[in-house]
Amino acid sequence: MVRAFQPRFDELPRTVPVFPLTGVLLIPGGRLPLNIFEPRYLSMVEDALAAGRMMAMVQPRQAAGEAEEADPAVYDVACLGRIVSFDEMPDKRITITLLGLNRFRIAEELPLYRGYRRAVADYTPYPEDLEEARPATVDRDRLFALLKPFASRHGLSFNWDVMKDVEMRPLLTSLAMVCPFEPREKQALLEADTPQDRADLMLALLEMGAVASSSGGSAPQ
C-alpha cells in the first residue's frame, strides 16, 4: 500500500485528532467519504488540513439504541487516515475523503482541543499496515452467493457486473466498510490480524445474515 504521499511508519503522528462515529469503519487502504458539519469537527478538519492532513476514526462503545453521550467511551483500536480530497460547501459543510493508513491502539486520551478529541497513538501492534499485505484468498462465487441475500435483506444495491471484475483486495475492503454490520462486528473486522482473517470473518457475518434472511428471522446477537 505504498504511495507517493504516504508517510513512512516512523513518520506517523504520535498525537492525532479522533472522530468517534458509531458504525463507521475505516480500514487501511479503504476510502471513507465524510460529511462534516458540526463546528468541532469542522475545526478538526481545518486543523488536519493545516498539519499533514491526518485524523483518525474510532467507534464509541455505546450499544445501539443507547442515549448518545457528548464524549462517549471509545474502543481501544482506531484507524489513522489521510484526507485525500475535500470540498467546501455553500452551507458551511466540508466533504472529505479519508484514506485509511494505519491502525493504532489509543495509549492515552488528551484534553479536548477546540472542542474535538485527541489521542496518543501506539502503532507498534500494527507495523505492517502500510505495507502491501498478502491478499486474502476468497472464492468470488461464494462471496457473491452470500452477499446477494444479505444485500436484499438490507436494501443494498450493487452493480454485480462491475464487481465481478474488481480486484479482490479493494473489493473486500470496500464491502467490510459499507456493509451494515453491527458496530461490534465492524470493530472485530478492524482488529482482525490479517486480511485473510478479516475476509474469513466477513464471510461468516454474511453467512449469518443470509441464514437469518432465508429463515425470516433476525441475525444472531
Protein backbone atom coordinates (compact mmCIF):
# COMPACT_ATOMS: atom_id res chain seq x y z
CA MET A 1 0.00 0.00 0.00
CA VAL A 2 2.98 2.30 -0.54
CA ARG A 3 2.00 5.62 -2.17
CA ALA A 4 3.91 8.72 -3.13
CA PHE A 5 2.28 10.91 -0.48
CA GLN A 6 2.09 8.25 2.21
CA PRO A 7 4.19 8.71 5.36
CA ARG A 8 6.68 6.10 6.49
CA PHE A 9 5.87 4.11 9.62
CA ASP A 10 8.32 6.18 11.67
CA GLU A 11 6.68 9.38 10.43
CA LEU A 12 3.18 8.59 11.69
CA PRO A 13 1.93 11.27 14.10
CA ARG A 14 2.08 10.50 17.79
CA THR A 15 -0.85 12.78 18.65
CA VAL A 16 -3.90 12.52 16.39
CA PRO A 17 -7.40 14.00 16.27
CA VAL A 18 -10.01 11.27 16.69
CA PHE A 19 -13.51 11.33 15.24
CA PRO A 20 -15.83 8.94 17.14
CA LEU A 21 -18.65 7.67 14.93
CA THR A 22 -20.77 4.59 15.61
CA GLY A 23 -20.98 2.02 12.84
CA VAL A 24 -18.42 3.78 10.64
CA LEU A 25 -15.37 1.75 9.72
CA LEU A 26 -12.07 2.88 8.25
CA ILE A 27 -9.63 0.14 7.24
CA PRO A 28 -6.07 0.61 5.92
CA GLY A 29 -6.38 1.03 2.16
CA GLY A 30 -10.07 1.94 2.29
CA ARG A 31 -11.58 5.27 1.27
CA LEU A 32 -14.23 6.78 3.52
CA PRO A 33 -16.37 9.76 2.41
CA LEU A 34 -17.46 12.01 5.28
CA ASN A 35 -19.83 14.96 5.50
CA ILE A 36 -18.55 17.34 8.18
CA PHE A 37 -20.94 19.90 9.65
CA GLU A 38 -20.57 20.06 13.45
CA PRO A 39 -18.42 23.06 14.47
CA ARG A 40 -15.95 20.97 16.50
CA TYR A 41 -15.38 18.56 13.61
CA LEU A 42 -15.07 21.42 11.14
CA SER A 43 -12.29 22.68 13.44
CA MET A 44 -10.75 19.19 13.43
CA VAL A 45 -10.71 19.02 9.64
CA GLU A 46 -9.33 22.55 9.29
CA ASP A 47 -6.51 21.72 11.72
CA ALA A 48 -5.80 18.41 9.98
CA LEU A 49 -5.62 20.12 6.58
CA ALA A 50 -3.07 22.54 8.01
CA ALA A 51 -0.88 19.82 9.53
CA GLY A 52 -0.28 16.71 7.44
CA ARG A 53 -3.95 16.10 6.59
CA MET A 54 -4.24 13.23 9.09
CA MET A 55 -7.04 12.32 11.50
CA ALA A 56 -8.41 9.08 12.90
CA MET A 57 -11.75 7.28 13.04
CA VAL A 58 -12.84 5.32 16.10
CA GLN A 59 -16.10 3.74 17.21
CA PRO A 60 -17.82 4.63 20.50
CA ARG A 61 -18.52 1.71 22.81
CA GLN A 62 -22.17 2.74 23.15
CA ALA A 63 -24.55 -0.04 22.22
CA ALA A 64 -27.12 0.65 19.53
CA GLY A 65 -30.16 2.35 20.98
CA GLU A 66 -28.37 3.80 23.99
CA ALA A 67 -28.70 7.51 24.65
CA GLU A 68 -25.86 9.35 22.94
CA GLU A 69 -23.23 10.98 25.13
CA ALA A 70 -21.31 14.08 24.16
CA ASP A 71 -17.94 12.33 24.56
CA PRO A 72 -18.62 8.58 24.88
CA ALA A 73 -16.04 5.97 25.78
CA VAL A 74 -14.46 4.57 22.63
CA TYR A 75 -12.84 1.30 21.57
CA ASP A 76 -9.11 0.91 22.15
CA VAL A 77 -8.27 0.39 18.47
CA ALA A 78 -8.73 3.14 15.87
CA CYS A 79 -7.50 3.78 12.33
CA LEU A 80 -5.45 6.73 11.16
CA GLY A 81 -6.49 8.24 7.85
CA ARG A 82 -5.22 10.90 5.48
CA ILE A 83 -7.52 13.45 3.84
CA VAL A 84 -7.01 12.87 0.11
CA SER A 85 -9.76 15.19 -1.10
CA PHE A 86 -12.07 17.84 0.31
CA ASP A 87 -14.67 20.29 -0.84
CA GLU A 88 -16.19 23.33 0.88
CA MET A 89 -19.98 23.51 0.58
CA PRO A 90 -22.03 26.75 0.41
CA ASP A 91 -23.93 25.76 3.58
CA LYS A 92 -20.72 25.70 5.65
CA ARG A 93 -20.17 21.95 5.39
CA ILE A 94 -16.96 20.27 4.30
CA THR A 95 -16.99 16.96 2.48
CA ILE A 96 -13.82 14.90 2.68
CA THR A 97 -12.48 11.54 1.60
CA LEU A 98 -10.29 9.80 4.14
CA LEU A 99 -7.79 7.14 3.04
CA GLY A 100 -7.09 4.53 5.71
CA LEU A 101 -3.39 4.32 6.61
CA ASN A 102 -2.58 2.51 9.84
CA ARG A 103 -4.41 1.10 12.83
CA PHE A 104 -3.31 2.02 16.34
CA ARG A 105 -4.14 1.46 19.97
CA ILE A 106 -5.17 4.52 21.94
CA ALA A 107 -2.42 4.82 24.55
CA GLU A 108 -3.92 7.90 26.16
CA GLU A 109 -6.71 10.36 25.51
CA LEU A 110 -5.76 14.03 25.75
CA PRO A 111 -7.85 17.03 26.83
CA LEU A 112 -10.26 18.44 24.26
CA TYR A 113 -8.76 20.88 21.78
CA ARG A 114 -11.08 23.34 20.02
CA GLY A 115 -13.92 21.06 21.07
CA TYR A 116 -12.64 17.83 19.48
CA ARG A 117 -10.92 14.77 20.91
CA ARG A 118 -7.27 13.83 20.55
CA ALA A 119 -5.32 10.72 21.45
CA VAL A 120 -1.77 9.48 21.80
CA ALA A 121 -1.39 6.72 19.21
CA ASP A 122 0.56 3.48 19.67
CA TYR A 123 1.17 1.97 16.22
CA THR A 124 3.51 -0.80 17.40
CA PRO A 125 0.87 -3.59 17.31
CA TYR A 126 0.32 -2.88 13.59
CA PRO A 127 3.75 -2.40 11.96
CA GLU A 128 2.70 -3.87 8.59
CA ASP A 129 -0.44 -1.85 7.82
CA LEU A 130 1.45 0.49 5.49
CA GLU A 131 2.96 -2.40 3.56
CA GLU A 132 1.45 -4.38 0.69
CA ALA A 133 -0.02 -7.29 2.65
CA ARG A 134 -0.61 -10.69 1.08
CA PRO A 135 -4.16 -10.56 -0.35
CA ALA A 136 -6.86 -12.76 1.09
CA THR A 137 -7.90 -15.85 -0.83
CA VAL A 138 -11.67 -15.78 -1.32
CA ASP A 139 -13.89 -17.65 -3.74
CA ARG A 140 -15.73 -14.89 -5.63
CA ASP A 141 -18.75 -17.10 -6.40
CA ARG A 142 -19.17 -17.96 -2.71
CA LEU A 143 -18.74 -14.31 -1.73
CA PHE A 144 -21.48 -13.22 -4.14
CA ALA A 145 -23.74 -16.10 -3.13
CA LEU A 146 -23.59 -14.86 0.48
CA LEU A 147 -23.64 -11.17 -0.37
CA LYS A 148 -26.76 -11.20 -2.58
CA PRO A 149 -29.29 -12.29 0.11
CA PHE A 150 -27.55 -10.02 2.62
CA ALA A 151 -27.84 -7.08 0.23
CA SER A 152 -31.50 -7.86 -0.46
CA ARG A 153 -32.30 -8.05 3.23
CA HIS A 154 -30.63 -4.70 3.98
CA GLY A 155 -31.80 -2.84 0.87
CA LEU A 156 -28.31 -2.56 -0.62
CA SER A 157 -27.80 -2.11 -4.34
CA PHE A 158 -24.62 -3.31 -6.02
CA ASN A 159 -23.52 -3.35 -9.65
CA TRP A 160 -22.74 -7.05 -9.84
CA ASP A 161 -21.39 -6.84 -13.41
CA VAL A 162 -18.79 -4.29 -12.31
CA MET A 163 -18.00 -6.08 -9.05
CA LYS A 164 -17.15 -9.35 -10.78
CA ASP A 165 -14.11 -7.64 -12.36
CA VAL A 166 -12.93 -5.65 -9.32
CA GLU A 167 -9.67 -6.82 -7.76
CA MET A 168 -10.36 -8.86 -4.63
CA ARG A 169 -8.32 -6.72 -2.22
CA PRO A 170 -10.21 -3.41 -2.72
CA LEU A 171 -13.49 -5.28 -3.10
CA LEU A 172 -13.18 -6.92 0.32
CA THR A 173 -12.04 -3.67 1.94
CA SER A 174 -14.97 -1.73 0.48
CA LEU A 175 -17.52 -4.39 1.45
CA ALA A 176 -16.22 -4.54 5.02
CA MET A 177 -16.68 -0.77 5.26
CA VAL A 178 -20.08 -0.37 3.55
CA CYS A 179 -21.99 -3.44 4.74
CA PRO A 180 -24.26 -2.58 7.69
CA PHE A 181 -22.77 -4.95 10.23
CA GLU A 182 -23.30 -4.30 13.93
CA PRO A 183 -20.75 -1.88 15.47
CA ARG A 184 -19.08 -4.63 17.49
CA GLU A 185 -18.80 -6.72 14.32
CA LYS A 186 -17.23 -3.81 12.46
CA GLN A 187 -14.77 -3.42 15.30
CA ALA A 188 -13.85 -7.08 15.02
CA LEU A 189 -13.23 -6.58 11.29
CA LEU A 190 -10.95 -3.65 12.05
CA GLU A 191 -8.98 -5.60 14.64
CA ALA A 192 -8.55 -8.76 12.53
CA ASP A 193 -4.88 -9.77 12.48
CA THR A 194 -4.54 -10.28 8.72
CA PRO A 195 -6.51 -9.56 5.53
CA GLN A 196 -7.33 -13.29 5.38
CA ASP A 197 -8.70 -13.22 8.94
CA ARG A 198 -10.81 -10.18 8.04
CA ALA A 199 -12.12 -11.85 4.89
CA ASP A 200 -12.99 -15.06 6.76
CA LEU A 201 -14.82 -13.08 9.45
CA MET A 202 -16.75 -11.06 6.86
CA LEU A 203 -17.84 -14.23 5.07
CA ALA A 204 -19.05 -15.63 8.39
CA LEU A 205 -21.02 -12.43 9.09
CA LEU A 206 -22.57 -12.51 5.62
CA GLU A 207 -23.44 -16.17 6.08
CA MET A 208 -25.19 -15.43 9.39
CA GLY A 209 -27.11 -12.69 7.64
CA ALA A 210 -28.01 -14.97 4.76
CA VAL A 211 -29.27 -17.67 7.14
CA ALA A 212 -31.35 -15.12 9.03
CA SER A 213 -32.73 -13.78 5.75
CA SER A 214 -33.76 -17.21 4.45
CA SER A 215 -35.41 -18.14 7.77
CA GLY A 216 -37.23 -14.82 8.08
CA GLY A 217 -35.56 -14.13 11.40
CA SER A 218 -33.01 -11.66 12.61
CA ALA A 219 -29.26 -12.01 12.71
CA PRO A 220 -27.81 -13.74 15.79
CA GLN A 221 -26.96 -11.33 18.58
